[in-house]
PDB file of N, CA and C in Angstrom:
ATOM      1  N   MET A   1      41.396 213.439  76.983  1.00  0.00           N
ATOM      2  CA  MET A   1      41.276 212.361  76.304  1.00  0.00           C
ATOM      3  C   MET A   1      42.528 212.163  75.972  1.00  0.00           C
ATOM      4  N   LYS A   2      43.714 210.879  76.369  1.00  0.00           N
ATOM      5  CA  LYS A   2      44.717 210.585  76.093  1.00  0.00           C
ATOM      6  C   LYS A   2      44.859 210.670  74.610  1.00  0.00           C
ATOM      7  N   ASN A   3      43.983 209.586  73.874  1.00  0.00           N
ATOM      8  CA  ASN A   3      44.275 208.810  72.423  1.00  0.00           C
ATOM      9  C   ASN A   3      43.844 209.819  71.728  1.00  0.00           C
ATOM     10  N   THR A   4      43.223 210.990  71.875  1.00  0.00           N
ATOM     11  CA  THR A   4      42.296 211.430  70.802  1.00  0.00           C
ATOM     12  C   THR A   4      43.348 212.647  69.545  1.00  0.00           C
ATOM     13  N   VAL A   5      43.233 212.230  68.628  1.00  0.00           N
ATOM     14  CA  VAL A   5      44.036 212.767  67.600  1.00  0.00           C
ATOM     15  C   VAL A   5      43.219 213.764  66.801  1.00  0.00           C
ATOM     16  N   TYR A   6      43.453 215.153  66.754  1.00  0.00           N
ATOM     17  CA  TYR A   6      42.807 215.989  65.793  1.00  0.00           C
ATOM     18  C   TYR A   6      43.639 216.490  64.543  1.00  0.00           C
ATOM     19  N   CYS A   7      43.128 216.679  63.509  1.00  0.00           N
ATOM     20  CA  CYS A   7      43.754 217.030  62.294  1.00  0.00           C
ATOM     21  C   CYS A   7      42.857 218.277  62.027  1.00  0.00           C
ATOM     22  N   LYS A   8      43.592 219.190  61.475  1.00  0.00           N
ATOM     23  CA  LYS A   8      42.789 220.159  60.569  1.00  0.00           C
ATOM     24  C   LYS A   8      42.731 219.976  59.155  1.00  0.00           C
ATOM     25  N   MET A   9      41.099 220.388  58.826  1.00  0.00           N
ATOM     26  CA  MET A   9      40.545 220.375  57.482  1.00  0.00           C
ATOM     27  C   MET A   9      40.690 221.761  56.905  1.00  0.00           C
ATOM     28  N   LYS A  10      40.927 221.819  55.727  1.00  0.00           N
ATOM     29  CA  LYS A  10      40.551 223.163  55.107  1.00  0.00           C
ATOM     30  C   LYS A  10      39.264 223.303  54.905  1.00  0.00           C
ATOM     31  N   LYS A  11      38.773 224.598  55.188  1.00  0.00           N
ATOM     32  CA  LYS A  11      37.283 224.729  54.960  1.00  0.00           C
ATOM     33  C   LYS A  11      36.786 224.385  53.804  1.00  0.00           C
ATOM     34  N   GLU A  12      37.390 224.640  52.709  1.00  0.00           N
ATOM     35  CA  GLU A  12      36.721 224.218  51.122  1.00  0.00           C
ATOM     36  C   GLU A  12      36.709 223.001  51.180  1.00  0.00           C
ATOM     37  N   LEU A  13      37.733 221.791  51.715  1.00  0.00           N
ATOM     38  CA  LEU A  13      37.277 220.543  51.614  1.00  0.00           C
ATOM     39  C   LEU A  13      36.344 220.053  52.437  1.00  0.00           C
ATOM     40  N   PHE A  14      36.256 220.830  53.600  1.00  0.00           N
ATOM     41  CA  PHE A  14      35.140 220.605  54.603  1.00  0.00           C
ATOM     42  C   PHE A  14      33.862 220.682  54.091  1.00  0.00           C
ATOM     43  N   ASP A  15      33.618 222.366  53.427  1.00  0.00           N
ATOM     44  CA  ASP A  15      32.381 222.446  52.642  1.00  0.00           C
ATOM     45  C   ASP A  15      31.854 221.516  51.634  1.00  0.00           C
ATOM     46  N   GLU A  16      32.899 221.077  50.662  1.00  0.00           N
ATOM     47  CA  GLU A  16      32.596 220.083  49.785  1.00  0.00           C
ATOM     48  C   GLU A  16      32.268 219.146  50.143  1.00  0.00           C
ATOM     49  N   LEU A  17      32.761 218.192  51.060  1.00  0.00           N
ATOM     50  CA  LEU A  17      32.652 216.905  51.996  1.00  0.00           C
ATOM     51  C   LEU A  17      30.904 217.083  52.503  1.00  0.00           C
ATOM     52  N   LEU A  18      30.711 218.175  53.293  1.00  0.00           N
ATOM     53  CA  LEU A  18      29.485 218.502  54.025  1.00  0.00           C
ATOM     54  C   LEU A  18      28.015 218.347  52.600  1.00  0.00           C
ATOM     55  N   GLU A  19      28.647 219.246  51.498  1.00  0.00           N
ATOM     56  CA  GLU A  19      27.698 219.306  50.469  1.00  0.00           C
ATOM     57  C   GLU A  19      27.402 217.913  49.901  1.00  0.00           C
ATOM     58  N   SER A  20      28.389 217.089  50.037  1.00  0.00           N
ATOM     59  CA  SER A  20      28.041 215.569  49.178  1.00  0.00           C
ATOM     60  C   SER A  20      27.346 214.855  49.733  1.00  0.00           C
ATOM     61  N   VAL A  21      27.567 215.282  51.387  1.00  0.00           N
ATOM     62  CA  VAL A  21      26.605 214.191  52.434  1.00  0.00           C
ATOM     63  C   VAL A  21      25.195 214.764  52.236  1.00  0.00           C
ATOM     64  N   ARG A  22      25.055 215.963  52.171  1.00  0.00           N
ATOM     65  CA  ARG A  22      23.596 216.635  51.870  1.00  0.00           C
ATOM     66  C   ARG A  22      23.152 215.946  50.359  1.00  0.00           C
ATOM     67  N   GLU A  23      24.049 215.976  49.450  1.00  0.00           N
ATOM     68  CA  GLU A  23      23.625 215.476  48.342  1.00  0.00           C
ATOM     69  C   GLU A  23      23.358 213.966  48.455  1.00  0.00           C
ATOM     70  N   ALA A  24      23.990 213.305  48.764  1.00  0.00           N
ATOM     71  CA  ALA A  24      23.649 211.833  48.844  1.00  0.00           C
ATOM     72  C   ALA A  24      22.197 211.473  49.991  1.00  0.00           C
ATOM     73  N   LYS A  25      22.021 212.395  50.681  1.00  0.00           N
ATOM     74  CA  LYS A  25      20.648 212.460  51.534  1.00  0.00           C
ATOM     75  C   LYS A  25      19.472 212.293  50.643  1.00  0.00           C
ATOM     76  N   ALA A  26      19.860 213.573  49.576  1.00  0.00           N
ATOM     77  CA  ALA A  26      18.684 213.991  49.178  1.00  0.00           C
ATOM     78  C   ALA A  26      18.067 213.043  47.730  1.00  0.00           C
ATOM     79  N   ILE A  27      19.371 212.216  47.791  1.00  0.00           N
ATOM     80  CA  ILE A  27      19.311 211.442  46.442  1.00  0.00           C
ATOM     81  C   ILE A  27      18.413 209.784  47.439  1.00  0.00           C
ATOM     82  N   MET A  28      18.911 209.470  48.140  1.00  0.00           N
ATOM     83  CA  MET A  28      18.181 208.608  49.027  1.00  0.00           C
ATOM     84  C   MET A  28      17.132 208.791  49.188  1.00  0.00           C
ATOM     85  N   ARG A  29      16.481 209.939  49.745  1.00  0.00           N
ATOM     86  CA  ARG A  29      15.135 210.295  50.060  1.00  0.00           C
ATOM     87  C   ARG A  29      14.165 210.054  48.586  1.00  0.00           C
ATOM     88  N   GLY A  30      14.976 210.511  47.492  1.00  0.00           N
ATOM     89  CA  GLY A  30      14.298 210.613  46.145  1.00  0.00           C
ATOM     90  C   GLY A  30      14.326 211.914  45.788  1.00  0.00           C
ATOM     91  N   GLU A  31      14.401 212.984  46.420  1.00  0.00           N
ATOM     92  CA  GLU A  31      14.566 214.203  45.884  1.00  0.00           C
ATOM     93  C   GLU A  31      15.572 214.836  44.779  1.00  0.00           C
ATOM     94  N   LYS A  32      16.470 213.736  44.576  1.00  0.00           N
ATOM     95  CA  LYS A  32      17.367 214.498  43.622  1.00  0.00           C
ATOM     96  C   LYS A  32      18.007 212.923  42.744  1.00  0.00           C
ATOM     97  N   GLN A  33      18.135 213.180  41.482  1.00  0.00           N
ATOM     98  CA  GLN A  33      18.686 212.176  40.806  1.00  0.00           C
ATOM     99  C   GLN A  33      20.354 211.965  41.044  1.00  0.00           C
ATOM    100  N   PRO A  34      20.870 210.945  41.029  1.00  0.00           N
ATOM    101  CA  PRO A  34      22.169 210.830  41.063  1.00  0.00           C
ATOM    102  C   PRO A  34      22.673 211.031  39.594  1.00  0.00           C
ATOM    103  N   SER A  35      24.087 211.432  39.720  1.00  0.00           N
ATOM    104  CA  SER A  35      24.464 212.071  38.697  1.00  0.00           C
ATOM    105  C   SER A  35      25.172 210.933  37.573  1.00  0.00           C
ATOM    106  N   ARG A  36      25.268 209.942  38.306  1.00  0.00           N
ATOM    107  CA  ARG A  36      25.385 208.509  37.506  1.00  0.00           C
ATOM    108  C   ARG A  36      25.133 207.246  38.331  1.00  0.00           C
ATOM    109  N   VAL A  37      24.806 206.378  37.399  1.00  0.00           N
ATOM    110  CA  VAL A  37      24.139 205.175  37.929  1.00  0.00           C
ATOM    111  C   VAL A  37      24.934 203.808  37.249  1.00  0.00           C
ATOM    112  N   PHE A  38      25.537 202.875  38.084  1.00  0.00           N
ATOM    113  CA  PHE A  38      26.285 201.640  37.504  1.00  0.00           C
ATOM    114  C   PHE A  38      25.222 200.601  37.487  1.00  0.00           C
ATOM    115  N   VAL A  39      25.028 199.998  36.117  1.00  0.00           N
ATOM    116  CA  VAL A  39      24.454 198.825  35.820  1.00  0.00           C
ATOM    117  C   VAL A  39      25.042 197.689  35.842  1.00  0.00           C
ATOM    118  N   TYR A  40      25.053 196.713  36.310  1.00  0.00           N
ATOM    119  CA  TYR A  40      25.903 195.431  36.416  1.00  0.00           C
ATOM    120  C   TYR A  40      25.042 194.290  35.679  1.00  0.00           C
ATOM    121  N   ASP A  41      25.342 193.571  34.982  1.00  0.00           N
ATOM    122  CA  ASP A  41      24.713 192.440  34.113  1.00  0.00           C
ATOM    123  C   ASP A  41      24.563 191.089  35.054  1.00  0.00           C
ATOM    124  N   GLU A  42      23.452 190.396  34.920  1.00  0.00           N
ATOM    125  CA  GLU A  42      23.273 189.712  36.064  1.00  0.00           C
ATOM    126  C   GLU A  42      23.575 187.919  35.208  1.00  0.00           C
ATOM    127  N   PRO A  43      24.208 187.215  35.917  1.00  0.00           N
ATOM    128  CA  PRO A  43      24.744 186.115  35.388  1.00  0.00           C
ATOM    129  C   PRO A  43      23.604 185.012  35.137  1.00  0.00           C
ATOM    130  N   ASN A  44      23.532 184.519  33.761  1.00  0.00           N
ATOM    131  CA  ASN A  44      22.444 183.509  33.393  1.00  0.00           C
ATOM    132  C   ASN A  44      23.050 182.430  33.987  1.00  0.00           C
ATOM    133  N   VAL A  45      22.528 181.955  35.094  1.00  0.00           N
ATOM    134  CA  VAL A  45      22.694 180.729  35.868  1.00  0.00           C
ATOM    135  C   VAL A  45      22.343 179.323  35.041  1.00  0.00           C
ATOM    136  N   LYS A  46      21.463 179.433  34.416  1.00  0.00           N
ATOM    137  CA  LYS A  46      21.411 178.249  33.712  1.00  0.00           C
ATOM    138  C   LYS A  46      21.984 178.206  32.492  1.00  0.00           C
ATOM    139  N   THR A  47      22.642 179.229  32.269  1.00  0.00           N
ATOM    140  CA  THR A  47      23.180 179.135  30.792  1.00  0.00           C
ATOM    141  C   THR A  47      24.587 178.383  31.169  1.00  0.00           C
ATOM    142  N   ILE A  48      25.026 179.174  32.049  1.00  0.00           N
ATOM    143  CA  ILE A  48      26.369 178.580  33.034  1.00  0.00           C
ATOM    144  C   ILE A  48      26.286 177.029  33.310  1.00  0.00           C
ATOM    145  N   ARG A  49      25.513 176.702  33.760  1.00  0.00           N
ATOM    146  CA  ARG A  49      25.250 175.426  34.381  1.00  0.00           C
ATOM    147  C   ARG A  49      25.439 174.398  33.129  1.00  0.00           C
ATOM    148  N   ARG A  50      24.434 174.720  31.650  1.00  0.00           N
ATOM    149  CA  ARG A  50      24.779 173.790  30.765  1.00  0.00           C
ATOM    150  C   ARG A  50      25.718 174.083  30.279  1.00  0.00           C
ATOM    151  N   ARG A  51      26.573 174.894  30.289  1.00  0.00           N
ATOM    152  CA  ARG A  51      27.966 175.196  29.621  1.00  0.00           C
ATOM    153  C   ARG A  51      29.078 173.827  30.619  1.00  0.00           C
ATOM    154  N   PHE A  52      28.974 173.897  31.674  1.00  0.00           N
ATOM    155  CA  PHE A  52      29.588 172.944  32.527  1.00  0.00           C
ATOM    156  C   PHE A  52      28.937 171.676  32.470  1.00  0.00           C
ATOM    157  N   LYS A  53      28.030 171.442  31.501  1.00  0.00           N
ATOM    158  CA  LYS A  53      27.378 170.019  31.386  1.00  0.00           C
ATOM    159  C   LYS A  53      27.086 169.470  32.488  1.00  0.00           C
ATOM    160  N   LEU A  54      26.402 170.002  33.483  1.00  0.00           N
ATOM    161  CA  LEU A  54      26.093 169.477  34.896  1.00  0.00           C
ATOM    162  C   LEU A  54      24.907 169.510  35.149  1.00  0.00           C
ATOM    163  N   SER A  55      24.367 168.438  35.788  1.00  0.00           N
ATOM    164  CA  SER A  55      22.758 168.624  36.478  1.00  0.00           C
ATOM    165  C   SER A  55      22.676 169.518  37.486  1.00  0.00           C
ATOM    166  N   GLN A  56      21.315 169.625  37.819  1.00  0.00           N
ATOM    167  CA  GLN A  56      21.220 170.806  38.810  1.00  0.00           C
ATOM    168  C   GLN A  56      21.884 170.394  40.178  1.00  0.00           C
ATOM    169  N   PRO A  57      21.844 169.030  40.713  1.00  0.00           N
ATOM    170  CA  PRO A  57      22.293 168.672  41.788  1.00  0.00           C
ATOM    171  C   PRO A  57      24.148 168.848  41.857  1.00  0.00           C
ATOM    172  N   LYS A  58      24.509 168.417  40.752  1.00  0.00           N
ATOM    173  CA  LYS A  58      26.065 168.335  40.805  1.00  0.00           C
ATOM    174  C   LYS A  58      26.615 169.791  40.724  1.00  0.00           C
ATOM    175  N   PHE A  59      25.705 170.734  39.879  1.00  0.00           N
ATOM    176  CA  PHE A  59      26.398 172.195  39.820  1.00  0.00           C
ATOM    177  C   PHE A  59      26.155 172.718  41.258  1.00  0.00           C
ATOM    178  N   ALA A  60      25.397 172.647  41.734  1.00  0.00           N
ATOM    179  CA  ALA A  60      24.883 173.379  42.959  1.00  0.00           C
ATOM    180  C   ALA A  60      25.831 172.781  44.171  1.00  0.00           C
ATOM    181  N   GLY A  61      26.068 171.498  44.042  1.00  0.00           N
ATOM    182  CA  GLY A  61      27.472 170.883  44.451  1.00  0.00           C
ATOM    183  C   GLY A  61      28.650 171.768  44.524  1.00  0.00           C
ATOM    184  N   LEU A  62      28.812 171.740  43.330  1.00  0.00           N
ATOM    185  CA  LEU A  62      30.141 172.679  42.889  1.00  0.00           C
ATOM    186  C   LEU A  62      30.150 174.147  43.426  1.00  0.00           C
ATOM    187  N   LEU A  63      29.068 174.736  43.738  1.00  0.00           N
ATOM    188  CA  LEU A  63      29.066 176.066  43.996  1.00  0.00           C
ATOM    189  C   LEU A  63      29.081 175.748  45.572  1.00  0.00           C
ATOM    190  N   GLY A  64      28.316 174.783  46.146  1.00  0.00           N
ATOM    191  CA  GLY A  64      28.296 174.755  47.601  1.00  0.00           C
ATOM    192  C   GLY A  64      26.800 175.222  47.800  1.00  0.00           C
ATOM    193  N   ILE A  65      25.845 175.103  47.419  1.00  0.00           N
ATOM    194  CA  ILE A  65      24.692 175.942  47.437  1.00  0.00           C
ATOM    195  C   ILE A  65      23.707 174.502  47.359  1.00  0.00           C
ATOM    196  N   SER A  66      22.423 175.041  47.914  1.00  0.00           N
ATOM    197  CA  SER A  66      21.429 174.088  47.922  1.00  0.00           C
ATOM    198  C   SER A  66      20.723 173.994  46.450  1.00  0.00           C
ATOM    199  N   VAL A  67      20.182 172.740  45.900  1.00  0.00           N
ATOM    200  CA  VAL A  67      19.441 172.662  44.919  1.00  0.00           C
ATOM    201  C   VAL A  67      18.268 173.515  44.808  1.00  0.00           C
ATOM    202  N   GLY A  68      17.466 173.884  46.049  1.00  0.00           N
ATOM    203  CA  GLY A  68      16.544 175.066  46.019  1.00  0.00           C
ATOM    204  C   GLY A  68      17.208 176.418  45.183  1.00  0.00           C
ATOM    205  N   THR A  69      18.089 176.636  45.843  1.00  0.00           N
ATOM    206  CA  THR A  69      18.867 177.757  45.640  1.00  0.00           C
ATOM    207  C   THR A  69      19.019 177.908  44.222  1.00  0.00           C
ATOM    208  N   LEU A  70      19.822 177.066  43.364  1.00  0.00           N
ATOM    209  CA  LEU A  70      19.971 177.248  42.357  1.00  0.00           C
ATOM    210  C   LEU A  70      18.652 177.069  41.174  1.00  0.00           C
ATOM    211  N   ARG A  71      17.973 176.601  41.599  1.00  0.00           N
ATOM    212  CA  ARG A  71      16.485 176.486  40.960  1.00  0.00           C
ATOM    213  C   ARG A  71      15.909 178.097  40.999  1.00  0.00           C
ATOM    214  N   ASN A  72      15.730 178.389  42.147  1.00  0.00           N
ATOM    215  CA  ASN A  72      15.251 179.566  42.520  1.00  0.00           C
ATOM    216  C   ASN A  72      15.873 180.678  41.484  1.00  0.00           C
ATOM    217  N   TRP A  73      17.492 180.757  41.204  1.00  0.00           N
ATOM    218  CA  TRP A  73      18.129 181.425  40.532  1.00  0.00           C
ATOM    219  C   TRP A  73      17.708 181.230  38.928  1.00  0.00           C
ATOM    220  N   GLU A  74      17.452 179.811  38.653  1.00  0.00           N
ATOM    221  CA  GLU A  74      17.364 179.525  37.352  1.00  0.00           C
ATOM    222  C   GLU A  74      16.284 179.953  37.020  1.00  0.00           C
ATOM    223  N   GLN A  75      15.087 179.827  37.981  1.00  0.00           N
ATOM    224  CA  GLN A  75      13.610 180.303  37.464  1.00  0.00           C
ATOM    225  C   GLN A  75      13.416 181.844  37.302  1.00  0.00           C
ATOM    226  N   GLY A  76      14.259 182.581  38.118  1.00  0.00           N
ATOM    227  CA  GLY A  76      14.238 184.127  38.325  1.00  0.00           C
ATOM    228  C   GLY A  76      13.420 184.477  39.396  1.00  0.00           C
ATOM    229  N   ARG A  77      13.143 183.380  40.066  1.00  0.00           N
ATOM    230  CA  ARG A  77      12.402 183.945  41.656  1.00  0.00           C
ATOM    231  C   ARG A  77      13.741 184.667  42.334  1.00  0.00           C
ATOM    232  N   ARG A  78      14.988 184.281  42.444  1.00  0.00           N
ATOM    233  CA  ARG A  78      15.725 184.932  43.248  1.00  0.00           C
ATOM    234  C   ARG A  78      16.811 185.447  42.281  1.00  0.00           C
ATOM    235  N   GLN A  79      17.593 186.094  42.873  1.00  0.00           N
ATOM    236  CA  GLN A  79      19.031 186.564  42.209  1.00  0.00           C
ATOM    237  C   GLN A  79      20.233 186.543  43.128  1.00  0.00           C
ATOM    238  N   PRO A  80      21.121 185.811  42.358  1.00  0.00           N
ATOM    239  CA  PRO A  80      22.426 185.594  42.993  1.00  0.00           C
ATOM    240  C   PRO A  80      22.995 187.163  43.560  1.00  0.00           C
ATOM    241  N   GLU A  81      23.512 186.854  44.918  1.00  0.00           N
ATOM    242  CA  GLU A  81      24.129 188.388  45.354  1.00  0.00           C
ATOM    243  C   GLU A  81      25.474 187.734  46.165  1.00  0.00           C
ATOM    244  N   GLY A  82      26.110 188.915  46.314  1.00  0.00           N
ATOM    245  CA  GLY A  82      27.383 189.056  46.768  1.00  0.00           C
ATOM    246  C   GLY A  82      28.257 188.016  46.327  1.00  0.00           C
ATOM    247  N   ALA A  83      29.157 186.990  47.193  1.00  0.00           N
ATOM    248  CA  ALA A  83      30.120 186.337  46.463  1.00  0.00           C
ATOM    249  C   ALA A  83      29.194 185.393  45.697  1.00  0.00           C
ATOM    250  N   ALA A  84      28.453 184.758  45.903  1.00  0.00           N
ATOM    251  CA  ALA A  84      27.717 183.962  44.909  1.00  0.00           C
ATOM    252  C   ALA A  84      27.605 184.284  43.420  1.00  0.00           C
ATOM    253  N   ARG A  85      27.303 185.402  43.210  1.00  0.00           N
ATOM    254  CA  ARG A  85      27.369 186.156  42.292  1.00  0.00           C
ATOM    255  C   ARG A  85      28.309 186.650  41.538  1.00  0.00           C
ATOM    256  N   VAL A  86      29.478 186.732  42.302  1.00  0.00           N
ATOM    257  CA  VAL A  86      30.517 187.030  41.297  1.00  0.00           C
ATOM    258  C   VAL A  86      31.367 185.352  41.129  1.00  0.00           C
ATOM    259  N   LEU A  87      30.975 184.583  42.021  1.00  0.00           N
ATOM    260  CA  LEU A  87      31.586 183.460  41.825  1.00  0.00           C
ATOM    261  C   LEU A  87      31.118 182.798  40.517  1.00  0.00           C
ATOM    262  N   LEU A  88      29.530 183.105  40.302  1.00  0.00           N
ATOM    263  CA  LEU A  88      29.044 182.753  38.923  1.00  0.00           C
ATOM    264  C   LEU A  88      29.706 183.160  37.640  1.00  0.00           C
ATOM    265  N   LEU A  89      30.270 184.679  37.878  1.00  0.00           N
ATOM    266  CA  LEU A  89      30.893 185.744  36.706  1.00  0.00           C
ATOM    267  C   LEU A  89      32.122 184.895  36.582  1.00  0.00           C
ATOM    268  N   VAL A  90      32.573 184.300  37.912  1.00  0.00           N
ATOM    269  CA  VAL A  90      34.072 183.744  37.337  1.00  0.00           C
ATOM    270  C   VAL A  90      33.767 182.552  36.382  1.00  0.00           C
ATOM    271  N   ALA A  91      32.789 181.583  36.895  1.00  0.00           N
ATOM    272  CA  ALA A  91      32.431 180.620  36.587  1.00  0.00           C
ATOM    273  C   ALA A  91      32.517 180.581  35.111  1.00  0.00           C
ATOM    274  N   ALA A  92      31.579 181.737  34.815  1.00  0.00           N
ATOM    275  CA  ALA A  92      30.990 182.096  33.354  1.00  0.00           C
ATOM    276  C   ALA A  92      32.446 182.242  32.113  1.00  0.00           C
ATOM    277  N   LYS A  93      33.157 183.180  33.052  1.00  0.00           N
ATOM    278  CA  LYS A  93      34.441 183.780  32.254  1.00  0.00           C
ATOM    279  C   LYS A  93      35.644 182.375  32.159  1.00  0.00           C
ATOM    280  N   TYR A  94      35.747 182.001  33.398  1.00  0.00           N
ATOM    281  CA  TYR A  94      37.112 181.080  33.693  1.00  0.00           C
ATOM    282  C   TYR A  94      36.696 179.528  34.336  1.00  0.00           C
ATOM    283  N   PRO A  95      35.928 178.877  33.419  1.00  0.00           N
ATOM    284  CA  PRO A  95      35.312 177.681  33.858  1.00  0.00           C
ATOM    285  C   PRO A  95      36.599 176.552  34.643  1.00  0.00           C
ATOM    286  N   GLU A  96      37.630 176.803  33.900  1.00  0.00           N
ATOM    287  CA  GLU A  96      38.674 176.029  34.216  1.00  0.00           C
ATOM    288  C   GLU A  96      39.282 176.231  35.609  1.00  0.00           C
ATOM    289  N   ALA A  97      39.401 177.460  36.147  1.00  0.00           N
ATOM    290  CA  ALA A  97      39.767 177.831  37.321  1.00  0.00           C
ATOM    291  C   ALA A  97      38.935 177.492  38.279  1.00  0.00           C
ATOM    292  N   VAL A  98      37.415 177.506  38.165  1.00  0.00           N
ATOM    293  CA  VAL A  98      36.800 176.984  38.835  1.00  0.00           C
ATOM    294  C   VAL A  98      36.838 175.610  39.245  1.00  0.00           C
ATOM    295  N   LEU A  99      36.803 174.851  38.558  1.00  0.00           N
ATOM    296  CA  LEU A  99      36.771 173.210  38.251  1.00  0.00           C
ATOM    297  C   LEU A  99      38.122 172.971  39.060  1.00  0.00           C
ATOM    298  N   ASP A 100      39.108 173.606  38.482  1.00  0.00           N
ATOM    299  CA  ASP A 100      40.411 173.242  38.987  1.00  0.00           C
ATOM    300  C   ASP A 100      40.629 173.669  40.167  1.00  0.00           C
ATOM    301  N   THR A 101      39.703 174.638  40.827  1.00  0.00           N
ATOM    302  CA  THR A 101      39.941 174.981  42.497  1.00  0.00           C
ATOM    303  C   THR A 101      39.119 173.816  43.491  1.00  0.00           C
ATOM    304  N   VAL A 102      37.967 173.571  42.716  1.00  0.00           N
ATOM    305  CA  VAL A 102      36.896 172.812  43.480  1.00  0.00           C
ATOM    306  C   VAL A 102      37.578 171.155  43.330  1.00  0.00           C
ATOM    307  N   HIS A 103      38.318 170.816  42.091  1.00  0.00           N
ATOM    308  CA  HIS A 103      38.610 169.564  41.973  1.00  0.00           C
ATOM    309  C   HIS A 103      40.257 169.390  41.344  1.00  0.00           C
ATOM    310  N   PRO A 104      41.108 169.964  42.417  1.00  0.00           N
ATOM    311  CA  PRO A 104      42.443 170.504  41.899  1.00  0.00           C
ATOM    312  C   PRO A 104      43.067 168.857  41.339  1.00  0.00           C
ATOM    313  N   ARG A 105      43.758 169.061  40.328  1.00  0.00           N
ATOM    314  CA  ARG A 105      44.770 168.005  39.897  1.00  0.00           C
ATOM    315  C   ARG A 105      45.951 168.012  40.368  1.00  0.00           C
ATOM    316  N   SER A 106      46.707 166.600  40.152  1.00  0.00           N
ATOM    317  CA  SER A 106      47.853 166.896  40.841  1.00  0.00           C
ATOM    318  C   SER A 106      48.896 167.752  40.187  1.00  0.00           C
ATOM    319  N   GLN A 107      49.933 168.157  41.204  1.00  0.00           N
ATOM    320  CA  GLN A 107      51.252 169.313  40.454  1.00  0.00           C
ATOM    321  C   GLN A 107      51.909 168.911  39.401  1.00  0.00           C
ATOM    322  N   THR A 108      52.096 167.354  39.460  1.00  0.00           N
ATOM    323  CA  THR A 108      53.054 166.635  38.440  1.00  0.00           C
ATOM    324  C   THR A 108      52.328 166.410  37.367  1.00  0.00           C
ATOM    325  N   ARG A 109      50.767 166.153  37.197  1.00  0.00           N
ATOM    326  CA  ARG A 109      50.120 166.195  35.817  1.00  0.00           C
ATOM    327  C   ARG A 109      49.206 167.112  35.291  1.00  0.00           C
ATOM    328  N   PRO A 110      49.801 168.015  34.520  1.00  0.00           N
ATOM    329  CA  PRO A 110      49.130 169.424  34.064  1.00  0.00           C
ATOM    330  C   PRO A 110      47.625 168.868  33.314  1.00  0.00           C
ATOM    331  N   MET A 111      47.032 169.619  33.793  1.00  0.00           N
ATOM    332  CA  MET A 111      45.619 169.633  33.017  1.00  0.00           C
ATOM    333  C   MET A 111      45.542 170.053  31.487  1.00  0.00           C
ATOM    334  N   THR A 112      45.022 168.759  30.704  1.00  0.00           N
ATOM    335  CA  THR A 112      45.166 168.791  29.525  1.00  0.00           C
ATOM    336  C   THR A 112      43.796 169.187  28.993  1.00  0.00           C
ATOM    337  N   ARG A 113      43.530 169.449  27.722  1.00  0.00           N
ATOM    338  CA  ARG A 113      41.979 169.942  27.081  1.00  0.00           C
ATOM    339  C   ARG A 113      41.257 168.450  27.371  1.00  0.00           C
ATOM    340  N   ARG A 114      41.457 167.437  27.113  1.00  0.00           N
ATOM    341  CA  ARG A 114      40.788 166.128  27.210  1.00  0.00           C
ATOM    342  C   ARG A 114      40.657 165.640  28.728  1.00  0.00           C
ATOM    343  N   SER A 115      41.669 165.883  29.916  1.00  0.00           N
ATOM    344  CA  SER A 115      41.356 165.794  30.976  1.00  0.00           C
ATOM    345  C   SER A 115      40.093 166.943  31.572  1.00  0.00           C
ATOM    346  N   LEU A 116      40.425 168.090  31.179  1.00  0.00           N
ATOM    347  CA  LEU A 116      39.339 169.100  31.358  1.00  0.00           C
ATOM    348  C   LEU A 116      37.776 168.629  31.005  1.00  0.00           C
ATOM    349  N   ALA A 117      37.947 168.047  29.742  1.00  0.00           N
ATOM    350  CA  ALA A 117      36.534 167.860  29.267  1.00  0.00           C
ATOM    351  C   ALA A 117      36.065 166.770  29.947  1.00  0.00           C
ATOM    352  N   ARG A 118      36.804 165.773  30.209  1.00  0.00           N
ATOM    353  CA  ARG A 118      36.205 164.268  31.181  1.00  0.00           C
ATOM    354  C   ARG A 118      35.837 164.804  32.813  1.00  0.00           C
ATOM    355  N   LEU A 119      36.593 165.999  33.114  1.00  0.00           N
ATOM    356  CA  LEU A 119      36.200 166.391  34.426  1.00  0.00           C
ATOM    357  C   LEU A 119      34.852 167.408  34.348  1.00  0.00           C
ATOM    358  N   ARG A 120      34.903 167.912  33.406  1.00  0.00           N
ATOM    359  CA  ARG A 120      33.471 168.607  33.234  1.00  0.00           C
ATOM    360  C   ARG A 120      32.475 167.574  33.042  1.00  0.00           C
ATOM    361  N   VAL A 121      32.607 166.300  32.316  1.00  0.00           N
ATOM    362  CA  VAL A 121      31.530 165.515  32.333  1.00  0.00           C
ATOM    363  C   VAL A 121      31.473 165.100  33.556  1.00  0.00           C
ATOM    364  N   THR A 122      32.185 164.260  34.411  1.00  0.00           N
ATOM    365  CA  THR A 122      32.009 163.635  35.406  1.00  0.00           C
ATOM    366  C   THR A 122      31.791 164.279  36.759  1.00  0.00           C
ATOM    367  N   ALA A 123      32.163 165.535  36.869  1.00  0.00           N
ATOM    368  CA  ALA A 123      32.062 166.506  38.228  1.00  0.00           C
ATOM    369  C   ALA A 123      30.897 166.521  38.831  1.00  0.00           C
TER     370      ALA A 123
END
C-alpha cells in the first residue's frame, strides 16, 4: 500500500480511547448514565413571530418555510431542528440582523429605528 501512513500511539492513550468507546456503547445501550447532559432551550416560535409583528404567512416567508411547518412548530406538534432552530434563536436575539439580511437596505442609507419599525410592520 503506497499511500498508507502509519503513526504510533502510546499504549496509555490507546487504552484511554478504547475505554471511552466502550463507555459510549454502554451509554447508548442504556447500561450506564452519561457523566453530563446538555440541555438546550427550545425557541418559542409563536413569541418570536409576534415580536416581529408578522402574520404566519409573512413570517413563514421570511424564514423560507411553509405555513404548515410554522403552524406545527407554534402548536407544539413538531420542534424546529438544525439550521431552522438556529435561525429562530438568532431571530429572537438579533431581529435586526435577520430583517436586514432578508430585506437588505441600501449601503448609502443606514437603517434607523424608524425604518426598522416600518420594515417590521410591512415585511
